[in-house]
């Protein structure tokens, strides 16, 4: 049920794009993840939840979240990376989230990481 609500938030946030930013860009998602509007924050949470689920289900090992890392903590890591790298905000959000999480949560065993994602 929670996932359904979050995914609904993602769809609604994509439809409510007041800044006119590309919904696949870091610009759009930095705004969504730091928004005071609940549906936009829910969209951010839904996107990150899906991103982490894909990582674990596909066994990509692009990054290794330690036990106990929360969705909110993941959001803070991504938002910090976006704020620290404004020159990259035009890039696709998937690339930026991946880089943020790889930097913050590298796999200790580099052989576990998929070479395509380095």
N, C-alpha and C. Protein backbone atom coordinates (compact mmCIF):
# COMPACT_ATOMS: atom_id res chain seq x y z
N UNK A 1 0.82 -1.20 0.00
CA UNK A 1 0.00 0.00 0.00
C UNK A 1 0.87 1.26 0.00
N UNK A 2 1.92 1.25 0.82
CA UNK A 2 2.81 2.42 0.89
C UNK A 2 3.44 2.67 -0.48
N UNK A 3 3.87 1.60 -1.14
CA UNK A 3 4.49 1.75 -2.46
C UNK A 3 3.49 2.33 -3.47
N UNK A 4 2.24 1.93 -3.39
CA UNK A 4 1.22 2.46 -4.29
C UNK A 4 1.04 3.96 -4.07
N UNK A 5 1.00 4.37 -2.82
CA UNK A 5 0.85 5.80 -2.50
C UNK A 5 2.06 6.57 -3.02
N UNK A 6 3.27 6.03 -2.79
CA UNK A 6 4.47 6.72 -3.26
C UNK A 6 4.52 6.81 -4.78
N UNK A 7 4.14 5.74 -5.46
CA UNK A 7 4.16 5.76 -6.92
C UNK A 7 3.11 6.72 -7.46
N UNK A 8 1.96 6.81 -6.80
CA UNK A 8 0.95 7.79 -7.19
C UNK A 8 1.52 9.20 -7.03
N UNK A 9 2.28 9.42 -5.97
CA UNK A 9 2.93 10.70 -5.76
C UNK A 9 3.90 11.04 -6.87
N UNK A 10 4.64 10.04 -7.36
CA UNK A 10 5.57 10.26 -8.46
C UNK A 10 4.82 10.74 -9.69
N UNK A 11 3.73 10.07 -10.02
CA UNK A 11 2.94 10.44 -11.20
C UNK A 11 2.38 11.85 -11.05
N UNK A 12 1.81 12.15 -9.89
CA UNK A 12 1.25 13.49 -9.68
C UNK A 12 2.31 14.57 -9.73
N UNK A 13 3.47 14.29 -9.17
CA UNK A 13 4.55 15.28 -9.20
C UNK A 13 5.04 15.54 -10.61
N UNK A 14 5.06 14.51 -11.42
CA UNK A 14 5.47 14.70 -12.81
C UNK A 14 4.46 15.56 -13.56
N UNK A 15 3.20 15.46 -13.18
CA UNK A 15 2.17 16.27 -13.82
C UNK A 15 2.18 17.72 -13.31
N UNK A 16 2.65 17.93 -12.09
CA UNK A 16 2.70 19.26 -11.48
C UNK A 16 4.13 19.77 -11.51
N UNK A 17 4.55 20.28 -12.61
CA UNK A 17 5.93 20.72 -12.78
C UNK A 17 5.96 22.23 -12.95
N UNK A 18 5.87 22.97 -11.82
CA UNK A 18 5.76 24.42 -11.92
C UNK A 18 7.00 25.10 -12.49
N UNK A 19 8.17 24.53 -12.28
CA UNK A 19 9.39 25.17 -12.75
C UNK A 19 9.65 24.91 -14.23
N UNK A 20 8.96 23.97 -14.82
CA UNK A 20 9.16 23.65 -16.22
C UNK A 20 10.44 22.87 -16.47
N UNK A 21 11.09 22.38 -15.42
CA UNK A 21 12.33 21.62 -15.57
C UNK A 21 12.03 20.24 -16.15
N UNK A 22 13.02 19.71 -16.86
CA UNK A 22 12.93 18.37 -17.42
C UNK A 22 12.77 17.37 -16.26
N UNK A 23 11.69 16.57 -16.22
CA UNK A 23 11.47 15.66 -15.10
C UNK A 23 12.50 14.54 -15.00
N UNK A 24 13.40 14.46 -15.96
CA UNK A 24 14.47 13.46 -15.86
C UNK A 24 15.78 14.08 -15.39
N UNK A 25 15.76 15.37 -15.06
CA UNK A 25 17.01 16.07 -14.71
C UNK A 25 17.18 16.24 -13.21
N UNK A 26 18.41 16.50 -12.83
CA UNK A 26 18.71 16.80 -11.44
C UNK A 26 18.02 18.06 -10.96
N UNK A 27 17.85 19.04 -11.86
CA UNK A 27 17.14 20.28 -11.49
C UNK A 27 15.75 19.99 -10.96
N UNK A 28 15.02 19.17 -11.69
CA UNK A 28 13.65 18.83 -11.31
C UNK A 28 13.62 18.12 -9.95
N UNK A 29 14.49 17.12 -9.79
CA UNK A 29 14.43 16.28 -8.59
C UNK A 29 15.01 16.98 -7.36
N UNK A 30 15.95 17.89 -7.53
CA UNK A 30 16.41 18.66 -6.38
C UNK A 30 15.25 19.49 -5.84
N UNK A 31 14.50 20.09 -6.75
CA UNK A 31 13.32 20.85 -6.35
C UNK A 31 12.29 19.96 -5.67
N UNK A 32 12.03 18.78 -6.25
CA UNK A 32 11.03 17.87 -5.69
C UNK A 32 11.45 17.37 -4.30
N UNK A 33 12.71 17.01 -4.16
CA UNK A 33 13.19 16.43 -2.89
C UNK A 33 13.28 17.44 -1.77
N UNK A 34 13.33 18.72 -2.09
CA UNK A 34 13.42 19.77 -1.07
C UNK A 34 12.14 20.60 -0.98
N UNK A 35 11.11 20.19 -1.69
CA UNK A 35 9.85 20.93 -1.75
C UNK A 35 9.09 20.86 -0.42
N UNK A 36 8.31 21.90 -0.16
CA UNK A 36 7.40 21.90 0.98
C UNK A 36 6.07 21.23 0.62
N UNK A 37 5.88 20.95 -0.66
CA UNK A 37 4.64 20.33 -1.13
C UNK A 37 4.74 18.82 -0.94
N UNK A 38 3.81 18.28 -0.17
CA UNK A 38 3.85 16.87 0.20
C UNK A 38 3.92 15.91 -0.97
N UNK A 39 3.16 16.18 -2.03
CA UNK A 39 3.14 15.26 -3.16
C UNK A 39 4.50 15.24 -3.87
N UNK A 40 5.19 16.35 -3.89
CA UNK A 40 6.51 16.38 -4.53
C UNK A 40 7.54 15.64 -3.67
N UNK A 41 7.45 15.80 -2.36
CA UNK A 41 8.35 15.04 -1.47
C UNK A 41 8.06 13.55 -1.59
N UNK A 42 6.79 13.20 -1.71
CA UNK A 42 6.42 11.78 -1.87
C UNK A 42 6.96 11.24 -3.19
N UNK A 43 6.95 12.06 -4.23
CA UNK A 43 7.50 11.64 -5.52
C UNK A 43 8.98 11.35 -5.38
N UNK A 44 9.69 12.19 -4.66
CA UNK A 44 11.12 12.00 -4.43
C UNK A 44 11.34 10.68 -3.68
N UNK A 45 10.59 10.48 -2.63
CA UNK A 45 10.73 9.24 -1.85
C UNK A 45 10.41 8.02 -2.71
N UNK A 46 9.37 8.12 -3.52
CA UNK A 46 9.00 7.01 -4.40
C UNK A 46 10.08 6.70 -5.41
N UNK A 47 10.68 7.74 -5.97
CA UNK A 47 11.75 7.53 -6.95
C UNK A 47 12.94 6.83 -6.30
N UNK A 48 13.35 7.31 -5.13
CA UNK A 48 14.51 6.73 -4.45
C UNK A 48 14.22 5.31 -3.98
N UNK A 49 13.00 5.07 -3.54
CA UNK A 49 12.62 3.72 -3.14
C UNK A 49 12.71 2.77 -4.33
N UNK A 50 12.19 3.19 -5.46
CA UNK A 50 12.27 2.38 -6.67
C UNK A 50 13.70 2.17 -7.13
N UNK A 51 14.52 3.20 -7.01
CA UNK A 51 15.93 3.12 -7.40
C UNK A 51 16.64 2.07 -6.55
N UNK A 52 16.42 2.13 -5.23
CA UNK A 52 17.04 1.16 -4.32
C UNK A 52 16.49 -0.25 -4.54
N UNK A 53 15.20 -0.36 -4.82
CA UNK A 53 14.61 -1.67 -5.09
C UNK A 53 15.21 -2.29 -6.35
N UNK A 54 15.37 -1.50 -7.39
CA UNK A 54 15.97 -2.00 -8.62
C UNK A 54 17.39 -2.48 -8.36
N UNK A 55 18.14 -1.70 -7.62
CA UNK A 55 19.52 -2.06 -7.28
C UNK A 55 19.57 -3.43 -6.59
N UNK A 56 18.67 -3.66 -5.63
CA UNK A 56 18.73 -4.92 -4.89
C UNK A 56 18.12 -6.08 -5.66
N UNK A 57 17.03 -5.85 -6.37
CA UNK A 57 16.37 -6.93 -7.12
C UNK A 57 17.23 -7.39 -8.29
N UNK A 58 17.86 -6.44 -8.97
CA UNK A 58 18.68 -6.78 -10.13
C UNK A 58 20.08 -7.23 -9.72
N UNK A 59 20.38 -7.17 -8.42
CA UNK A 59 21.70 -7.57 -7.90
C UNK A 59 22.83 -6.87 -8.66
N UNK A 60 22.69 -5.56 -8.84
CA UNK A 60 23.67 -4.80 -9.61
C UNK A 60 24.94 -4.51 -8.81
N UNK A 61 24.82 -4.41 -7.50
CA UNK A 61 25.96 -4.10 -6.64
C UNK A 61 26.70 -2.84 -7.06
N UNK A 62 25.96 -1.86 -7.54
CA UNK A 62 26.57 -0.59 -7.93
C UNK A 62 26.95 0.21 -6.69
N UNK A 63 26.23 -0.02 -5.61
CA UNK A 63 26.53 0.57 -4.31
C UNK A 63 25.99 -0.39 -3.26
N UNK A 64 26.46 -0.26 -2.05
CA UNK A 64 26.07 -1.21 -0.99
C UNK A 64 25.54 -0.45 0.22
N UNK A 65 24.23 -0.39 0.35
CA UNK A 65 23.64 0.29 1.50
C UNK A 65 23.87 -0.54 2.76
N UNK A 66 24.45 0.04 3.78
CA UNK A 66 24.62 -0.70 5.03
C UNK A 66 23.26 -0.96 5.67
N UNK A 67 23.21 -1.97 6.48
CA UNK A 67 21.99 -2.29 7.21
C UNK A 67 21.59 -1.08 8.06
N UNK A 68 20.33 -0.75 8.05
CA UNK A 68 19.83 0.34 8.87
C UNK A 68 19.73 1.68 8.18
N UNK A 69 20.24 1.80 6.95
CA UNK A 69 20.13 3.06 6.23
C UNK A 69 18.66 3.27 5.86
N UNK A 70 18.13 4.44 6.19
CA UNK A 70 16.72 4.72 5.94
C UNK A 70 16.53 5.43 4.59
N UNK A 71 15.30 5.44 4.13
CA UNK A 71 14.97 6.16 2.91
C UNK A 71 15.25 7.65 3.08
N UNK A 72 14.97 8.17 4.25
CA UNK A 72 15.23 9.60 4.53
C UNK A 72 16.73 9.89 4.46
N UNK A 73 17.54 8.99 4.98
CA UNK A 73 18.99 9.16 4.92
C UNK A 73 19.46 9.13 3.47
N UNK A 74 18.92 8.21 2.68
CA UNK A 74 19.25 8.14 1.26
C UNK A 74 18.91 9.46 0.58
N UNK A 75 17.75 10.01 0.92
CA UNK A 75 17.35 11.30 0.33
C UNK A 75 18.34 12.40 0.70
N UNK A 76 18.77 12.43 1.94
CA UNK A 76 19.74 13.46 2.36
C UNK A 76 21.05 13.33 1.60
N UNK A 77 21.50 12.10 1.37
CA UNK A 77 22.74 11.87 0.61
C UNK A 77 22.60 12.41 -0.81
N UNK A 78 21.47 12.11 -1.43
CA UNK A 78 21.24 12.54 -2.82
C UNK A 78 21.10 14.05 -2.89
N UNK A 79 20.34 14.65 -2.00
CA UNK A 79 20.16 16.10 -2.01
C UNK A 79 21.51 16.80 -1.78
N UNK A 80 22.32 16.30 -0.86
CA UNK A 80 23.64 16.89 -0.63
C UNK A 80 24.49 16.80 -1.89
N UNK A 81 24.47 15.66 -2.55
CA UNK A 81 25.25 15.51 -3.78
C UNK A 81 24.77 16.51 -4.84
N UNK A 82 23.47 16.65 -5.00
CA UNK A 82 22.92 17.59 -5.99
C UNK A 82 23.31 19.02 -5.65
N UNK A 83 23.22 19.39 -4.39
CA UNK A 83 23.59 20.76 -3.99
C UNK A 83 25.08 21.01 -4.14
N UNK A 84 25.88 19.98 -3.89
CA UNK A 84 27.33 20.13 -4.01
C UNK A 84 27.82 20.11 -5.45
N UNK A 85 26.97 19.73 -6.38
CA UNK A 85 27.36 19.61 -7.79
C UNK A 85 26.36 20.30 -8.72
N UNK A 86 26.14 21.61 -8.52
CA UNK A 86 25.13 22.32 -9.33
C UNK A 86 25.45 22.31 -10.83
N UNK A 87 26.72 22.17 -11.18
CA UNK A 87 27.11 22.13 -12.59
C UNK A 87 26.62 20.86 -13.29
N UNK A 88 26.11 19.90 -12.53
CA UNK A 88 25.66 18.63 -13.12
C UNK A 88 24.14 18.49 -13.11
N UNK A 89 23.41 19.48 -12.63
CA UNK A 89 21.96 19.34 -12.45
C UNK A 89 21.19 19.13 -13.75
N UNK A 90 21.78 19.44 -14.87
CA UNK A 90 21.11 19.21 -16.16
C UNK A 90 21.19 17.74 -16.58
N UNK A 91 22.03 16.96 -15.92
CA UNK A 91 22.22 15.56 -16.27
C UNK A 91 21.02 14.72 -15.81
N UNK A 92 20.89 13.52 -16.38
CA UNK A 92 19.79 12.63 -15.97
C UNK A 92 19.88 12.28 -14.48
N UNK A 93 18.74 12.33 -13.81
CA UNK A 93 18.71 12.08 -12.37
C UNK A 93 19.21 10.68 -12.03
N UNK A 94 18.96 9.70 -12.86
CA UNK A 94 19.42 8.34 -12.56
C UNK A 94 20.94 8.31 -12.45
N UNK A 95 21.63 8.99 -13.32
CA UNK A 95 23.10 9.05 -13.28
C UNK A 95 23.57 9.74 -12.00
N UNK A 96 22.89 10.82 -11.62
CA UNK A 96 23.28 11.59 -10.44
C UNK A 96 23.01 10.82 -9.15
N UNK A 97 21.86 10.15 -9.07
CA UNK A 97 21.55 9.35 -7.89
C UNK A 97 22.55 8.22 -7.76
N UNK A 98 22.85 7.56 -8.86
CA UNK A 98 23.82 6.47 -8.83
C UNK A 98 25.17 6.96 -8.32
N UNK A 99 25.63 8.07 -8.84
CA UNK A 99 26.94 8.62 -8.41
C UNK A 99 26.91 9.00 -6.93
N UNK A 100 25.82 9.62 -6.49
CA UNK A 100 25.70 10.01 -5.08
C UNK A 100 25.77 8.79 -4.16
N UNK A 101 25.04 7.74 -4.52
CA UNK A 101 24.99 6.56 -3.67
C UNK A 101 26.27 5.73 -3.76
N UNK A 102 26.90 5.70 -4.94
CA UNK A 102 28.19 5.02 -5.06
C UNK A 102 29.25 5.71 -4.22
N UNK A 103 29.22 7.03 -4.20
CA UNK A 103 30.19 7.81 -3.43
C UNK A 103 29.97 7.62 -1.93
N UNK A 104 28.73 7.66 -1.51
CA UNK A 104 28.42 7.57 -0.08
C UNK A 104 28.48 6.14 0.45
N UNK A 105 28.11 5.18 -0.39
CA UNK A 105 28.01 3.79 0.06
C UNK A 105 28.71 2.83 -0.90
N UNK A 106 30.04 2.99 -1.03
CA UNK A 106 30.74 2.09 -1.96
C UNK A 106 30.74 0.66 -1.42
N UNK A 107 30.79 -0.29 -2.33
CA UNK A 107 30.91 -1.68 -1.92
C UNK A 107 32.35 -1.91 -1.47
N UNK A 108 32.52 -2.55 -0.37
CA UNK A 108 33.87 -2.82 0.15
C UNK A 108 34.63 -3.77 -0.77
N UNK A 109 33.91 -4.71 -1.35
CA UNK A 109 34.51 -5.68 -2.25
C UNK A 109 34.25 -5.21 -3.67
N UNK A 110 35.23 -4.56 -4.29
CA UNK A 110 35.06 -3.97 -5.63
C UNK A 110 34.68 -5.02 -6.67
N UNK A 111 35.01 -6.28 -6.43
CA UNK A 111 34.68 -7.32 -7.43
C UNK A 111 33.18 -7.58 -7.47
N UNK A 112 32.43 -7.15 -6.44
CA UNK A 112 30.98 -7.33 -6.45
C UNK A 112 30.27 -6.34 -7.34
N UNK A 113 30.95 -5.26 -7.69
CA UNK A 113 30.33 -4.20 -8.47
C UNK A 113 30.28 -4.55 -9.93
N UNK A 114 29.18 -4.19 -10.57
CA UNK A 114 29.03 -4.41 -12.01
C UNK A 114 29.95 -3.47 -12.76
N UNK A 115 30.82 -3.97 -13.65
CA UNK A 115 31.75 -3.09 -14.37
C UNK A 115 31.04 -2.04 -15.21
N UNK A 116 29.84 -2.31 -15.67
CA UNK A 116 29.11 -1.37 -16.52
C UNK A 116 28.68 -0.12 -15.75
N UNK A 117 28.69 -0.18 -14.43
CA UNK A 117 28.18 0.94 -13.64
C UNK A 117 29.28 1.79 -13.04
N UNK A 118 30.51 1.51 -13.29
CA UNK A 118 31.61 2.31 -12.73
C UNK A 118 31.69 3.66 -13.37
